[in-house]
Amino acid sequence: MNKRLLMGLFPILVLSCAKPTGFQYLGVRNVKVIKFGLKESTVSSEVGYYNPNKFPVTMKQAEVDVYVNNILFGHSILDSTIRIPKRDSFYIPVLLTVNMSTTAMSLIQTLGGGQDSVKVKLDGKARVGRGGIFINFPIKYKGMQKLKF
């Protein structure tokens, strides 16, 4: 009797522990300069993603390096908990610390030269999970991004 019960519950247990699939990158919105300095500046924005999973997940923390035109633009750390709905888009608030050396000047020259889009690369990781079980999930993206200030 116990074996039958265990065998009957096994598929349900396996399905409930399914590993989440990756989020789909949607873009960046609401880019604002919070603090401007000659050596370092702080930029805020919202990064949009779509959760294709059939279940909601929780993101505990994230750490991302942002590259613009293949040059390290800045680093961001998210240390708060965000509940992500199932099969829905969501936006994560991001505070980015930007080194104002050649990186920012290169971006200003690109935008000043009449180009309104840049090559963006995101490289990092996030702690994502549900039911108290969390895994390190890679954050990878490469593509062109229109910037509006």
C-alpha atoms as a PDB file:
ATOM      1  CA  MET A   1       0.000   0.000   0.000  1.00  0.00           C
ATOM      2  CA  ASN A   2       2.761   2.463   0.965  1.00  0.00           C
ATOM      3  CA  LYS A   3       4.704   1.631  -2.208  1.00  0.00           C
ATOM      4  CA  ARG A   4       1.671   2.406  -4.389  1.00  0.00           C
ATOM      5  CA  LEU A   5       1.096   5.676  -2.603  1.00  0.00           C
ATOM      6  CA  LEU A   6       4.763   6.635  -2.988  1.00  0.00           C
ATOM      7  CA  MET A   7       4.761   5.657  -6.687  1.00  0.00           C
ATOM      8  CA  GLY A   8       1.584   7.679  -7.219  1.00  0.00           C
ATOM      9  CA  LEU A   9       3.029  10.795  -5.575  1.00  0.00           C
ATOM     10  CA  PHE A  10       6.422  10.555  -7.313  1.00  0.00           C
ATOM     11  CA  PRO A  11       5.331  12.269 -10.600  1.00  0.00           C
ATOM     12  CA  ILE A  12       3.697  15.090  -8.643  1.00  0.00           C
ATOM     13  CA  LEU A  13       6.839  15.555  -6.565  1.00  0.00           C
ATOM     14  CA  VAL A  14       9.058  15.621  -9.663  1.00  0.00           C
ATOM     15  CA  LEU A  15       6.836  18.199 -11.404  1.00  0.00           C
ATOM     16  CA  SER A  16       6.669  20.438  -8.336  1.00  0.00           C
ATOM     17  CA  CYS A  17      10.465  20.601  -8.161  1.00  0.00           C
ATOM     18  CA  ALA A  18      10.903  21.643 -11.797  1.00  0.00           C
ATOM     19  CA  LYS A  19      13.845  23.932 -12.445  1.00  0.00           C
ATOM     20  CA  PRO A  20      12.781  27.412 -13.605  1.00  0.00           C
ATOM     21  CA  THR A  21      13.598  28.346 -17.184  1.00  0.00           C
ATOM     22  CA  GLY A  22      15.384  31.573 -18.100  1.00  0.00           C
ATOM     23  CA  PHE A  23      13.715  34.953 -18.246  1.00  0.00           C
ATOM     24  CA  GLN A  24      13.345  36.763 -21.561  1.00  0.00           C
ATOM     25  CA  TYR A  25      14.920  40.232 -21.677  1.00  0.00           C
ATOM     26  CA  LEU A  26      12.475  42.983 -22.720  1.00  0.00           C
ATOM     27  CA  GLY A  27      14.557  46.137 -22.418  1.00  0.00           C
ATOM     28  CA  VAL A  28      15.407  49.129 -20.274  1.00  0.00           C
ATOM     29  CA  ARG A  29      13.124  52.029 -19.381  1.00  0.00           C
ATOM     30  CA  ASN A  30      13.197  55.140 -17.210  1.00  0.00           C
ATOM     31  CA  VAL A  31      16.952  55.775 -17.329  1.00  0.00           C
ATOM     32  CA  LYS A  32      17.823  58.638 -14.951  1.00  0.00           C
ATOM     33  CA  VAL A  33      21.058  60.071 -13.614  1.00  0.00           C
ATOM     34  CA  ILE A  34      20.685  60.192  -9.828  1.00  0.00           C
ATOM     35  CA  LYS A  35      24.137  61.465  -8.907  1.00  0.00           C
ATOM     36  CA  PHE A  36      26.642  62.934 -11.327  1.00  0.00           C
ATOM     37  CA  GLY A  37      30.312  63.064 -10.416  1.00  0.00           C
ATOM     38  CA  LEU A  38      33.589  63.391 -12.264  1.00  0.00           C
ATOM     39  CA  LYS A  39      34.912  60.035 -11.051  1.00  0.00           C
ATOM     40  CA  GLU A  40      31.715  58.097 -10.351  1.00  0.00           C
ATOM     41  CA  SER A  41      28.027  58.556 -11.069  1.00  0.00           C
ATOM     42  CA  THR A  42      24.843  56.711 -10.141  1.00  0.00           C
ATOM     43  CA  VAL A  43      22.233  55.854 -12.753  1.00  0.00           C
ATOM     44  CA  SER A  44      18.818  54.334 -12.071  1.00  0.00           C
ATOM     45  CA  SER A  45      16.646  52.423 -14.500  1.00  0.00           C
ATOM     46  CA  GLU A  46      14.141  49.606 -14.730  1.00  0.00           C
ATOM     47  CA  VAL A  47      15.085  46.415 -16.569  1.00  0.00           C
ATOM     48  CA  GLY A  48      12.179  44.447 -18.008  1.00  0.00           C
ATOM     49  CA  TYR A  49      11.912  40.678 -18.259  1.00  0.00           C
ATOM     50  CA  TYR A  50       9.231  38.113 -19.058  1.00  0.00           C
ATOM     51  CA  ASN A  51       8.816  35.018 -16.866  1.00  0.00           C
ATOM     52  CA  PRO A  52       7.795  32.104 -19.169  1.00  0.00           C
ATOM     53  CA  ASN A  53       7.467  29.657 -16.255  1.00  0.00           C
ATOM     54  CA  LYS A  54       4.121  28.134 -15.264  1.00  0.00           C
ATOM     55  CA  PHE A  55       4.774  29.099 -11.665  1.00  0.00           C
ATOM     56  CA  PRO A  56       5.783  32.255  -9.774  1.00  0.00           C
ATOM     57  CA  VAL A  57       9.367  32.493  -8.504  1.00  0.00           C
ATOM     58  CA  THR A  58      11.249  34.663  -6.050  1.00  0.00           C
ATOM     59  CA  MET A  59      14.508  36.486  -6.734  1.00  0.00           C
ATOM     60  CA  LYS A  60      16.550  37.014  -3.572  1.00  0.00           C
ATOM     61  CA  GLN A  61      19.543  38.849  -4.947  1.00  0.00           C
ATOM     62  CA  ALA A  62      21.266  39.674  -8.219  1.00  0.00           C
ATOM     63  CA  GLU A  63      24.630  40.991  -9.344  1.00  0.00           C
ATOM     64  CA  VAL A  64      25.220  42.221 -12.902  1.00  0.00           C
ATOM     65  CA  ASP A  65      28.037  43.812 -14.895  1.00  0.00           C
ATOM     66  CA  VAL A  66      26.770  46.093 -17.675  1.00  0.00           C
ATOM     67  CA  TYR A  67      28.849  46.564 -20.821  1.00  0.00           C
ATOM     68  CA  VAL A  68      28.096  49.290 -23.365  1.00  0.00           C
ATOM     69  CA  ASN A  69      29.816  48.986 -26.745  1.00  0.00           C
ATOM     70  CA  ASN A  70      31.991  46.194 -25.262  1.00  0.00           C
ATOM     71  CA  ILE A  71      33.360  48.451 -22.493  1.00  0.00           C
ATOM     72  CA  LEU A  72      32.485  47.851 -18.817  1.00  0.00           C
ATOM     73  CA  PHE A  73      29.971  50.582 -18.038  1.00  0.00           C
ATOM     74  CA  GLY A  74      29.101  49.743 -14.458  1.00  0.00           C
ATOM     75  CA  HIS A  75      28.149  47.224 -11.813  1.00  0.00           C
ATOM     76  CA  SER A  76      24.817  46.714 -10.070  1.00  0.00           C
ATOM     77  CA  ILE A  77      23.859  44.752  -6.955  1.00  0.00           C
ATOM     78  CA  LEU A  78      20.242  43.991  -6.016  1.00  0.00           C
ATOM     79  CA  ASP A  79      19.958  42.694  -2.454  1.00  0.00           C
ATOM     80  CA  SER A  80      16.201  42.822  -1.943  1.00  0.00           C
ATOM     81  CA  THR A  81      13.611  40.086  -2.505  1.00  0.00           C
ATOM     82  CA  ILE A  82      11.316  40.364  -5.532  1.00  0.00           C
ATOM     83  CA  ARG A  83       8.311  38.137  -6.189  1.00  0.00           C
ATOM     84  CA  ILE A  84       8.009  37.393  -9.912  1.00  0.00           C
ATOM     85  CA  PRO A  85       4.557  36.439 -11.273  1.00  0.00           C
ATOM     86  CA  LYS A  86       4.046  33.419 -13.526  1.00  0.00           C
ATOM     87  CA  ARG A  87       3.875  33.993 -17.302  1.00  0.00           C
ATOM     88  CA  ASP A  88       3.986  37.763 -16.953  1.00  0.00           C
ATOM     89  CA  SER A  89       6.370  40.635 -17.557  1.00  0.00           C
ATOM     90  CA  PHE A  90       8.060  42.372 -14.646  1.00  0.00           C
ATOM     91  CA  TYR A  91      10.498  45.223 -14.093  1.00  0.00           C
ATOM     92  CA  ILE A  92      13.428  45.215 -11.708  1.00  0.00           C
ATOM     93  CA  PRO A  93      14.667  48.561 -10.339  1.00  0.00           C
ATOM     94  CA  VAL A  94      18.408  48.858 -10.920  1.00  0.00           C
ATOM     95  CA  LEU A  95      20.920  51.275  -9.409  1.00  0.00           C
ATOM     96  CA  LEU A  96      24.098  51.253 -11.469  1.00  0.00           C
ATOM     97  CA  THR A  97      27.397  52.667 -10.250  1.00  0.00           C
ATOM     98  CA  VAL A  98      29.191  54.055 -13.313  1.00  0.00           C
ATOM     99  CA  ASN A  99      32.904  54.710 -13.584  1.00  0.00           C
ATOM    100  CA  MET A 100      33.081  58.072 -15.374  1.00  0.00           C
ATOM    101  CA  SER A 101      36.480  57.541 -16.985  1.00  0.00           C
ATOM    102  CA  THR A 102      36.574  56.609 -20.681  1.00  0.00           C
ATOM    103  CA  THR A 103      33.403  54.500 -20.476  1.00  0.00           C
ATOM    104  CA  ALA A 104      30.972  57.345 -19.904  1.00  0.00           C
ATOM    105  CA  MET A 105      32.823  59.616 -22.311  1.00  0.00           C
ATOM    106  CA  SER A 106      32.589  56.943 -25.010  1.00  0.00           C
ATOM    107  CA  LEU A 107      28.820  56.732 -24.462  1.00  0.00           C
ATOM    108  CA  ILE A 108      28.452  60.507 -24.624  1.00  0.00           C
ATOM    109  CA  GLN A 109      30.417  60.574 -27.888  1.00  0.00           C
ATOM    110  CA  THR A 110      28.218  57.802 -29.340  1.00  0.00           C
ATOM    111  CA  LEU A 111      24.999  59.602 -28.426  1.00  0.00           C
ATOM    112  CA  GLY A 112      26.449  62.963 -29.462  1.00  0.00           C
ATOM    113  CA  GLY A 113      27.402  61.505 -32.840  1.00  0.00           C
ATOM    114  CA  GLY A 114      23.753  61.019 -33.748  1.00  0.00           C
ATOM    115  CA  GLN A 115      23.414  57.359 -32.778  1.00  0.00           C
ATOM    116  CA  ASP A 116      20.463  56.624 -30.523  1.00  0.00           C
ATOM    117  CA  SER A 117      21.265  52.950 -29.847  1.00  0.00           C
ATOM    118  CA  VAL A 118      24.216  51.156 -28.299  1.00  0.00           C
ATOM    119  CA  LYS A 119      25.362  47.553 -27.966  1.00  0.00           C
ATOM    120  CA  VAL A 120      24.432  46.339 -24.469  1.00  0.00           C
ATOM    121  CA  LYS A 121      25.747  43.221 -22.749  1.00  0.00           C
ATOM    122  CA  LEU A 122      24.569  41.994 -19.340  1.00  0.00           C
ATOM    123  CA  ASP A 123      26.651  39.417 -17.485  1.00  0.00           C
ATOM    124  CA  GLY A 124      25.851  38.270 -13.980  1.00  0.00           C
ATOM    125  CA  LYS A 125      23.880  35.953 -11.729  1.00  0.00           C
ATOM    126  CA  ALA A 126      20.768  35.909  -9.565  1.00  0.00           C
ATOM    127  CA  ARG A 127      19.422  33.705  -6.756  1.00  0.00           C
ATOM    128  CA  VAL A 128      16.062  32.464  -8.035  1.00  0.00           C
ATOM    129  CA  GLY A 129      13.768  29.832  -6.583  1.00  0.00           C
ATOM    130  CA  ARG A 130      10.535  28.856  -4.962  1.00  0.00           C
ATOM    131  CA  GLY A 131       9.457  26.889  -1.939  1.00  0.00           C
ATOM    132  CA  GLY A 132      12.618  27.805  -0.043  1.00  0.00           C
ATOM    133  CA  ILE A 133      14.935  26.212  -2.620  1.00  0.00           C
ATOM    134  CA  PHE A 134      17.120  28.718  -4.484  1.00  0.00           C
ATOM    135  CA  ILE A 135      19.686  28.265  -7.243  1.00  0.00           C
ATOM    136  CA  ASN A 136      22.207  30.574  -8.876  1.00  0.00           C
ATOM    137  CA  PHE A 137      20.766  31.529 -12.236  1.00  0.00           C
ATOM    138  CA  PRO A 138      22.954  33.136 -14.936  1.00  0.00           C
ATOM    139  CA  ILE A 139      22.006  36.530 -16.389  1.00  0.00           C
ATOM    140  CA  LYS A 140      23.219  36.785 -19.975  1.00  0.00           C
ATOM    141  CA  TYR A 141      22.113  39.170 -22.687  1.00  0.00           C
ATOM    142  CA  LYS A 142      23.636  40.781 -25.783  1.00  0.00           C
ATOM    143  CA  GLY A 143      21.826  43.134 -28.136  1.00  0.00           C
ATOM    144  CA  MET A 144      21.235  46.642 -29.368  1.00  0.00           C
ATOM    145  CA  GLN A 145      19.349  49.001 -27.076  1.00  0.00           C
ATOM    146  CA  LYS A 146      17.799  52.366 -27.868  1.00  0.00           C
ATOM    147  CA  LEU A 147      18.506  54.878 -25.122  1.00  0.00           C
ATOM    148  CA  LYS A 148      16.198  57.741 -24.259  1.00  0.00           C
ATOM    149  CA  PHE A 149      17.176  60.261 -21.622  1.00  0.00           C
END
